[in-house]
């Protein structure tokens, strides 16, 4: 299990369940020359968005694919 503590500011987490299908899509996306122009969350069936605010902590299950945006 991983965790993130945010002392100040905001972060947006996008979490993708580590199914065989999603991990294969992640592998394909990460090797693609267009990867920087394609949002991985659009390539999978379920992508969970979580907005973390100042002084919050989040626990992330092991194996989940994580996309993180700092605001």
N, C-alpha and C. Protein backbone atom coordinates (compact mmCIF):
# COMPACT_ATOMS: atom_id res chain seq x y z
N UNK A 1 0.85 -1.18 0.00
CA UNK A 1 0.00 0.00 0.00
C UNK A 1 0.89 1.23 0.00
N UNK A 2 0.49 2.22 -0.75
CA UNK A 2 1.17 3.51 -0.81
C UNK A 2 0.29 4.56 -0.16
N UNK A 3 0.91 5.65 0.24
CA UNK A 3 0.10 6.75 0.74
C UNK A 3 0.74 8.07 0.34
N UNK A 4 -0.07 9.11 0.35
CA UNK A 4 0.39 10.45 0.03
C UNK A 4 -0.21 11.40 1.05
N UNK A 5 0.63 12.26 1.60
CA UNK A 5 0.20 13.28 2.54
C UNK A 5 0.42 14.62 1.87
N UNK A 6 -0.57 15.45 1.87
CA UNK A 6 -0.48 16.76 1.24
C UNK A 6 -0.48 17.82 2.33
N UNK A 7 0.65 18.52 2.46
CA UNK A 7 0.76 19.55 3.50
C UNK A 7 0.18 20.88 3.06
N UNK A 8 0.34 21.20 1.78
CA UNK A 8 -0.27 22.43 1.28
C UNK A 8 -0.55 22.28 -0.21
N UNK A 9 -1.46 23.10 -0.70
CA UNK A 9 -1.83 23.04 -2.11
C UNK A 9 -2.89 21.98 -2.38
N UNK A 10 -2.94 21.53 -3.63
CA UNK A 10 -3.93 20.54 -4.05
C UNK A 10 -3.31 19.59 -5.06
N UNK A 11 -3.82 18.37 -5.11
CA UNK A 11 -3.41 17.38 -6.10
C UNK A 11 -4.67 16.69 -6.62
N UNK A 12 -4.63 16.28 -7.85
CA UNK A 12 -5.69 15.43 -8.39
C UNK A 12 -5.05 14.09 -8.72
N UNK A 13 -5.63 13.03 -8.17
CA UNK A 13 -5.18 11.68 -8.44
C UNK A 13 -6.18 11.01 -9.37
N UNK A 14 -5.68 10.30 -10.35
CA UNK A 14 -6.50 9.42 -11.17
C UNK A 14 -6.00 8.01 -10.91
N UNK A 15 -6.89 7.14 -10.45
CA UNK A 15 -6.51 5.78 -10.09
C UNK A 15 -7.15 4.80 -11.06
N UNK A 16 -6.34 3.83 -11.48
CA UNK A 16 -6.80 2.81 -12.41
C UNK A 16 -6.53 1.45 -11.79
N UNK A 17 -7.58 0.65 -11.67
CA UNK A 17 -7.47 -0.67 -11.05
C UNK A 17 -6.49 -1.55 -11.85
N UNK A 18 -5.64 -2.32 -11.15
CA UNK A 18 -4.61 -3.11 -11.82
C UNK A 18 -5.11 -4.45 -12.37
N UNK A 19 -6.12 -4.41 -13.24
CA UNK A 19 -6.58 -5.64 -13.90
C UNK A 19 -5.59 -6.00 -15.01
N UNK A 20 -5.63 -7.22 -15.48
CA UNK A 20 -4.76 -7.63 -16.58
C UNK A 20 -4.97 -6.74 -17.80
N UNK A 21 -6.22 -6.46 -18.10
CA UNK A 21 -6.55 -5.61 -19.26
C UNK A 21 -5.99 -4.19 -19.09
N UNK A 22 -6.19 -3.61 -17.90
CA UNK A 22 -5.71 -2.25 -17.67
C UNK A 22 -4.18 -2.17 -17.66
N UNK A 23 -3.53 -3.18 -17.11
CA UNK A 23 -2.07 -3.18 -17.10
C UNK A 23 -1.52 -3.31 -18.51
N UNK A 24 -2.21 -4.07 -19.35
CA UNK A 24 -1.78 -4.18 -20.75
C UNK A 24 -1.98 -2.84 -21.47
N UNK A 25 -3.10 -2.18 -21.19
CA UNK A 25 -3.35 -0.88 -21.80
C UNK A 25 -2.31 0.15 -21.32
N UNK A 26 -1.92 0.06 -20.06
CA UNK A 26 -0.88 0.95 -19.53
C UNK A 26 0.45 0.69 -20.24
N UNK A 27 0.81 -0.58 -20.39
CA UNK A 27 2.06 -0.94 -21.08
C UNK A 27 2.05 -0.42 -22.51
N UNK A 28 0.94 -0.61 -23.22
CA UNK A 28 0.83 -0.12 -24.60
C UNK A 28 0.92 1.40 -24.65
N UNK A 29 0.22 2.07 -23.73
CA UNK A 29 0.21 3.53 -23.68
C UNK A 29 1.61 4.08 -23.39
N UNK A 30 2.32 3.44 -22.44
CA UNK A 30 3.63 3.96 -22.04
C UNK A 30 4.67 3.79 -23.15
N UNK A 31 4.46 2.86 -24.07
CA UNK A 31 5.39 2.64 -25.19
C UNK A 31 5.02 3.46 -26.42
N UNK A 32 3.83 4.01 -26.42
CA UNK A 32 3.32 4.73 -27.59
C UNK A 32 3.99 6.09 -27.74
N UNK A 33 4.38 6.46 -28.95
CA UNK A 33 4.94 7.80 -29.15
C UNK A 33 3.89 8.90 -28.92
N UNK A 34 2.62 8.55 -28.94
CA UNK A 34 1.54 9.51 -28.71
C UNK A 34 1.10 9.56 -27.26
N UNK A 35 1.80 8.84 -26.38
CA UNK A 35 1.40 8.75 -24.98
C UNK A 35 1.27 10.09 -24.28
N UNK A 36 2.12 11.04 -24.62
CA UNK A 36 2.05 12.35 -23.96
C UNK A 36 0.85 13.17 -24.43
N UNK A 37 0.22 12.75 -25.51
CA UNK A 37 -0.94 13.47 -26.04
C UNK A 37 -2.26 12.76 -25.74
N UNK A 38 -2.16 11.57 -25.15
CA UNK A 38 -3.35 10.77 -24.85
C UNK A 38 -3.44 10.57 -23.35
N UNK A 39 -4.59 10.86 -22.77
CA UNK A 39 -4.81 10.65 -21.34
C UNK A 39 -5.10 9.18 -21.10
N UNK A 40 -4.29 8.54 -20.28
CA UNK A 40 -4.44 7.11 -20.02
C UNK A 40 -5.85 6.76 -19.53
N UNK A 41 -6.45 7.64 -18.74
CA UNK A 41 -7.79 7.39 -18.22
C UNK A 41 -8.83 7.21 -19.30
N UNK A 42 -8.60 7.78 -20.48
CA UNK A 42 -9.52 7.63 -21.60
C UNK A 42 -9.37 6.28 -22.29
N UNK A 43 -8.31 5.55 -21.97
CA UNK A 43 -8.02 4.27 -22.63
C UNK A 43 -8.58 3.08 -21.86
N UNK A 44 -9.04 3.31 -20.62
CA UNK A 44 -9.53 2.21 -19.78
C UNK A 44 -11.01 2.41 -19.48
N UNK A 45 -11.67 1.34 -19.02
CA UNK A 45 -13.11 1.44 -18.78
C UNK A 45 -13.45 2.23 -17.51
N UNK A 46 -12.62 2.13 -16.47
CA UNK A 46 -12.87 2.85 -15.22
C UNK A 46 -11.61 3.55 -14.76
N UNK A 47 -11.72 4.85 -14.54
CA UNK A 47 -10.63 5.66 -14.01
C UNK A 47 -11.25 6.54 -12.92
N UNK A 48 -10.74 6.40 -11.72
CA UNK A 48 -11.33 7.09 -10.57
C UNK A 48 -10.57 8.38 -10.28
N UNK A 49 -11.29 9.47 -10.19
CA UNK A 49 -10.68 10.78 -9.91
C UNK A 49 -10.85 11.11 -8.43
N UNK A 50 -9.77 11.58 -7.82
CA UNK A 50 -9.81 11.95 -6.41
C UNK A 50 -9.07 13.28 -6.24
N UNK A 51 -9.73 14.25 -5.66
CA UNK A 51 -9.15 15.57 -5.44
C UNK A 51 -8.66 15.64 -3.99
N UNK A 52 -7.35 15.75 -3.82
CA UNK A 52 -6.76 15.80 -2.48
C UNK A 52 -6.44 17.25 -2.15
N UNK A 53 -6.91 17.68 -0.99
CA UNK A 53 -6.69 19.06 -0.56
C UNK A 53 -5.72 19.11 0.62
N UNK A 54 -5.31 20.31 0.92
CA UNK A 54 -4.34 20.58 1.98
C UNK A 54 -4.70 19.84 3.27
N UNK A 55 -3.67 19.26 3.90
CA UNK A 55 -3.76 18.54 5.18
C UNK A 55 -4.56 17.25 5.09
N UNK A 56 -4.66 16.65 3.90
CA UNK A 56 -5.34 15.37 3.72
C UNK A 56 -4.31 14.28 3.46
N UNK A 57 -4.69 13.05 3.75
CA UNK A 57 -3.87 11.88 3.47
C UNK A 57 -4.72 10.90 2.69
N UNK A 58 -4.11 10.22 1.73
CA UNK A 58 -4.82 9.21 0.95
C UNK A 58 -3.97 7.94 0.94
N UNK A 59 -4.63 6.80 1.09
CA UNK A 59 -3.98 5.50 0.98
C UNK A 59 -4.37 4.89 -0.35
N UNK A 60 -3.37 4.43 -1.09
CA UNK A 60 -3.59 3.90 -2.44
C UNK A 60 -3.25 2.42 -2.43
N UNK A 61 -4.19 1.56 -2.82
CA UNK A 61 -3.92 0.13 -2.82
C UNK A 61 -2.73 -0.22 -3.72
N UNK A 62 -1.97 -1.21 -3.32
CA UNK A 62 -0.80 -1.64 -4.08
C UNK A 62 -1.21 -2.06 -5.49
N UNK A 63 -0.38 -1.71 -6.45
CA UNK A 63 -0.59 -2.13 -7.82
C UNK A 63 -1.41 -1.19 -8.67
N UNK A 64 -2.14 -0.27 -8.05
CA UNK A 64 -2.97 0.65 -8.84
C UNK A 64 -2.10 1.54 -9.70
N UNK A 65 -2.54 1.78 -10.91
CA UNK A 65 -1.87 2.72 -11.81
C UNK A 65 -2.31 4.11 -11.37
N UNK A 66 -1.35 5.01 -11.24
CA UNK A 66 -1.61 6.33 -10.67
C UNK A 66 -1.16 7.41 -11.64
N UNK A 67 -2.08 8.34 -11.92
CA UNK A 67 -1.75 9.55 -12.67
C UNK A 67 -1.95 10.69 -11.68
N UNK A 68 -0.97 11.57 -11.56
CA UNK A 68 -1.02 12.60 -10.56
C UNK A 68 -0.83 13.97 -11.22
N UNK A 69 -1.70 14.91 -10.85
CA UNK A 69 -1.62 16.28 -11.35
C UNK A 69 -1.51 17.21 -10.15
N UNK A 70 -0.47 18.03 -10.12
CA UNK A 70 -0.31 19.03 -9.08
C UNK A 70 -0.99 20.32 -9.53
N UNK A 71 -1.75 20.92 -8.63
CA UNK A 71 -2.43 22.19 -8.96
C UNK A 71 -1.70 23.34 -8.31
